[in-house]
C-alpha atoms as a PDB file:
ATOM      1  CA  MET A   1     -94.212 -58.066-152.448  1.00  0.00           C
ATOM      2  CA  PHE A   2     -95.441 -57.700-156.187  1.00  0.00           C
ATOM      3  CA  THR A   3     -98.391 -55.960-157.514  1.00  0.00           C
ATOM      4  CA  LYS A   4    -101.164 -56.984-160.084  1.00  0.00           C
ATOM      5  CA  GLU A   5     -99.521 -54.851-162.605  1.00  0.00           C
ATOM      6  CA  ASP A   6     -96.151 -56.810-162.065  1.00  0.00           C
ATOM      7  CA  VAL A   7     -98.129 -59.962-162.874  1.00  0.00           C
ATOM      8  CA  GLU A   8     -99.755 -58.412-166.074  1.00  0.00           C
ATOM      9  CA  VAL A   9     -96.390 -57.399-167.361  1.00  0.00           C
ATOM     10  CA  LEU A  10     -94.822 -60.676-166.942  1.00  0.00           C
ATOM     11  CA  ALA A  11     -97.781 -62.622-168.356  1.00  0.00           C
ATOM     12  CA  PHE A  12     -97.807 -60.347-171.544  1.00  0.00           C
ATOM     13  CA  GLN A  13     -94.050 -61.035-171.916  1.00  0.00           C
ATOM     14  CA  ARG A  14     -94.836 -64.784-171.663  1.00  0.00           C
ATOM     15  CA  TYR A  15     -97.787 -64.385-174.107  1.00  0.00           C
ATOM     16  CA  LYS A  16     -95.293 -62.678-176.740  1.00  0.00           C
ATOM     17  CA  SER A  17     -92.560 -65.497-176.097  1.00  0.00           C
ATOM     18  CA  ASP A  18     -95.046 -67.867-177.926  1.00  0.00           C
ATOM     19  CA  GLU A  19     -93.983 -70.904-175.820  1.00  0.00           C
ATOM     20  CA  ASN A  20     -95.752 -73.929-176.648  1.00  0.00           C
ATOM     21  CA  TYR A  21     -98.765 -75.231-174.378  1.00  0.00           C
ATOM     22  CA  GLU A  22     -96.778 -78.357-172.900  1.00  0.00           C
ATOM     23  CA  LYS A  23     -93.722 -76.304-171.986  1.00  0.00           C
ATOM     24  CA  SER A  24     -96.024 -73.766-170.144  1.00  0.00           C
ATOM     25  CA  VAL A  25     -97.797 -76.317-168.236  1.00  0.00           C
ATOM     26  CA  TRP A  26     -94.364 -78.124-167.354  1.00  0.00           C
ATOM     27  CA  TYR A  27     -92.938 -74.650-166.105  1.00  0.00           C
ATOM     28  CA  LEU A  28     -96.216 -74.023-163.946  1.00  0.00           C
ATOM     29  CA  ALA A  29     -95.736 -77.424-162.470  1.00  0.00           C
ATOM     30  CA  GLU A  30     -92.042 -76.842-161.694  1.00  0.00           C
ATOM     31  CA  LEU A  31     -92.743 -73.364-160.104  1.00  0.00           C
ATOM     32  CA  CYS A  32     -95.656 -74.839-157.999  1.00  0.00           C
ATOM     33  CA  CYS A  33     -93.464 -77.822-156.863  1.00  0.00           C
ATOM     34  CA  THR A  34     -90.531 -75.362-155.834  1.00  0.00           C
ATOM     35  CA  ILE A  35     -92.845 -73.229-153.821  1.00  0.00           C
ATOM     36  CA  ASN A  36     -94.644 -76.294-152.299  1.00  0.00           C
ATOM     37  CA  LYS A  37     -91.153 -77.548-151.099  1.00  0.00           C
ATOM     38  CA  ASN A  38     -90.052 -74.472-149.574  1.00  0.00           C
ATOM     39  CA  VAL A  39     -93.162 -72.994-147.750  1.00  0.00           C
ATOM     40  CA  LYS A  40     -95.182 -74.166-144.875  1.00  0.00           C
ATOM     41  CA  ASN A  41     -98.420 -75.356-145.921  1.00  0.00           C
ATOM     42  CA  GLY A  42     -97.018 -74.918-149.614  1.00  0.00           C
ATOM     43  CA  TYR A  43     -99.198 -77.856-150.802  1.00  0.00           C
ATOM     44  CA  ASP A  44    -102.349 -75.562-150.248  1.00  0.00           C
ATOM     45  CA  ILE A  45    -101.170 -73.452-153.159  1.00  0.00           C
ATOM     46  CA  LYS A  46    -102.938 -74.711-156.171  1.00  0.00           C
ATOM     47  CA  PRO A  47    -101.499 -74.460-159.650  1.00  0.00           C
ATOM     48  CA  LEU A  48    -104.575 -72.806-161.260  1.00  0.00           C
ATOM     49  CA  GLU A  49    -105.738 -70.543-158.284  1.00  0.00           C
ATOM     50  CA  THR A  50    -104.511 -67.016-157.414  1.00  0.00           C
ATOM     51  CA  ASP A  51    -102.918 -67.026-154.103  1.00  0.00           C
ATOM     52  CA  ASN A  52    -102.589 -63.804-152.046  1.00  0.00           C
ATOM     53  CA  LEU A  53    -101.256 -65.558-148.886  1.00  0.00           C
ATOM     54  CA  VAL A  54     -98.630 -64.468-146.239  1.00  0.00           C
ATOM     55  CA  LEU A  55     -96.118 -67.202-146.682  1.00  0.00           C
ATOM     56  CA  LEU A  56     -93.619 -68.477-144.221  1.00  0.00           C
ATOM     57  CA  ILE A  57     -90.498 -70.244-145.336  1.00  0.00           C
ATOM     58  CA  ARG A  58     -90.167 -73.923-143.828  1.00  0.00           C
ATOM     59  CA  GLU A  59     -87.829 -74.383-140.975  1.00  0.00           C
ATOM     60  CA  ASP A  60     -85.882 -77.114-142.781  1.00  0.00           C
ATOM     61  CA  VAL A  61     -84.968 -74.699-145.481  1.00  0.00           C
ATOM     62  CA  ASN A  62     -81.537 -73.755-144.767  1.00  0.00           C
ATOM     63  CA  GLY A  63     -80.258 -70.963-147.085  1.00  0.00           C
ATOM     64  CA  VAL A  64     -80.709 -72.769-150.351  1.00  0.00           C
ATOM     65  CA  VAL A  65     -83.832 -73.435-152.188  1.00  0.00           C
ATOM     66  CA  ILE A  66     -85.135 -77.109-152.135  1.00  0.00           C
ATOM     67  CA  GLU A  67     -85.668 -78.027-155.715  1.00  0.00           C
ATOM     68  CA  PRO A  68     -88.364 -80.625-156.564  1.00  0.00           C
ATOM     69  CA  THR A  69     -87.629 -83.936-158.434  1.00  0.00           C
ATOM     70  CA  GLU A  70     -88.766 -84.512-162.135  1.00  0.00           C
ATOM     71  CA  GLU A  71     -91.255 -86.978-160.731  1.00  0.00           C
ATOM     72  CA  GLU A  72     -92.930 -84.448-158.581  1.00  0.00           C
ATOM     73  CA  ILE A  73     -93.031 -81.885-161.463  1.00  0.00           C
ATOM     74  CA  LYS A  74     -94.493 -84.556-163.713  1.00  0.00           C
ATOM     75  CA  GLU A  75     -97.281 -85.355-161.339  1.00  0.00           C
ATOM     76  CA  ILE A  76     -98.305 -81.561-160.991  1.00  0.00           C
ATOM     77  CA  ALA A  77     -97.919 -81.219-164.781  1.00  0.00           C
ATOM     78  CA  GLU A  78    -100.242 -84.055-165.373  1.00  0.00           C
ATOM     79  CA  THR A  79    -102.937 -82.461-163.014  1.00  0.00           C
ATOM     80  CA  ILE A  80    -102.587 -79.071-164.733  1.00  0.00           C
ATOM     81  CA  TYR A  81    -102.758 -80.635-168.112  1.00  0.00           C
ATOM     82  CA  GLN A  82    -105.924 -82.489-167.231  1.00  0.00           C
ATOM     83  CA  GLU A  83    -107.735 -79.242-166.191  1.00  0.00           C
ATOM     84  CA  HIS A  84    -106.884 -77.940-169.772  1.00  0.00           C
ATOM     85  CA  PRO A  85    -106.659 -74.254-168.715  1.00  0.00           C
ATOM     86  CA  GLU A  86    -106.628 -71.630-171.403  1.00  0.00           C
ATOM     87  CA  LYS A  87    -103.109 -70.662-172.395  1.00  0.00           C
ATOM     88  CA  SER A  88    -103.808 -66.974-171.492  1.00  0.00           C
ATOM     89  CA  LYS A  89    -104.606 -68.316-167.963  1.00  0.00           C
ATOM     90  CA  LEU A  90    -101.399 -70.380-167.950  1.00  0.00           C
ATOM     91  CA  HIS A  91     -99.579 -67.188-168.790  1.00  0.00           C
ATOM     92  CA  TRP A  92    -101.113 -65.504-165.697  1.00  0.00           C
ATOM     93  CA  PHE A  93    -100.541 -68.269-163.377  1.00  0.00           C
ATOM     94  CA  ILE A  94     -96.921 -68.748-164.372  1.00  0.00           C
ATOM     95  CA  ALA A  95     -96.266 -65.124-163.939  1.00  0.00           C
ATOM     96  CA  GLU A  96     -97.861 -65.063-160.371  1.00  0.00           C
ATOM     97  CA  LYS A  97     -96.021 -68.135-159.365  1.00  0.00           C
ATOM     98  CA  GLN A  98     -92.756 -66.996-160.948  1.00  0.00           C
ATOM     99  CA  LEU A  99     -92.797 -63.658-158.867  1.00  0.00           C
ATOM    100  CA  LEU A 100     -93.833 -65.519-155.859  1.00  0.00           C
ATOM    101  CA  SER A 101     -90.900 -68.038-156.400  1.00  0.00           C
ATOM    102  CA  GLU A 102     -88.530 -65.030-156.631  1.00  0.00           C
ATOM    103  CA  GLU A 103     -89.641 -63.576-153.384  1.00  0.00           C
ATOM    104  CA  ILE A 104     -89.426 -66.760-151.618  1.00  0.00           C
ATOM    105  CA  LYS A 105     -85.789 -67.306-153.091  1.00  0.00           C
ATOM    106  CA  LYS A 106     -84.880 -63.703-151.731  1.00  0.00           C
ATOM    107  CA  VAL A 107     -86.224 -64.402-148.203  1.00  0.00           C
ATOM    108  CA  ILE A 108     -84.310 -67.795-148.336  1.00  0.00           C
ATOM    109  CA  GLU A 109     -80.992 -66.175-149.378  1.00  0.00           C
ATOM    110  CA  ASN A 110     -81.324 -63.320-146.958  1.00  0.00           C
ATOM    111  CA  ASN A 111     -81.717 -65.648-144.083  1.00  0.00           C
ATOM    112  CA  ARG A 112     -78.859 -68.031-144.641  1.00  0.00           C
END
């Protein structure tokens, strides 16, 4: 798994990239949708919360990550946007969800 320091480093890299707010919101929504579609009880993982859950891959995931639709991403992006999180918080949550998503992908690929 990843550490708090891993999240901090990645969040700082995102900060330095100077990505605009809308793109950050969309990316966070995309990560959350991907996690949600591939993990049991994934919809319990909220975009603007820190999650320290032991996650189990859904049984219908068969060696390939299930990708979300654009409509699913749009719905989550609108929810995030309505919350108006600070950009620094967006960086943190994106970094966390990105690392979590990478771990999920590894588990899925290793269990083909």
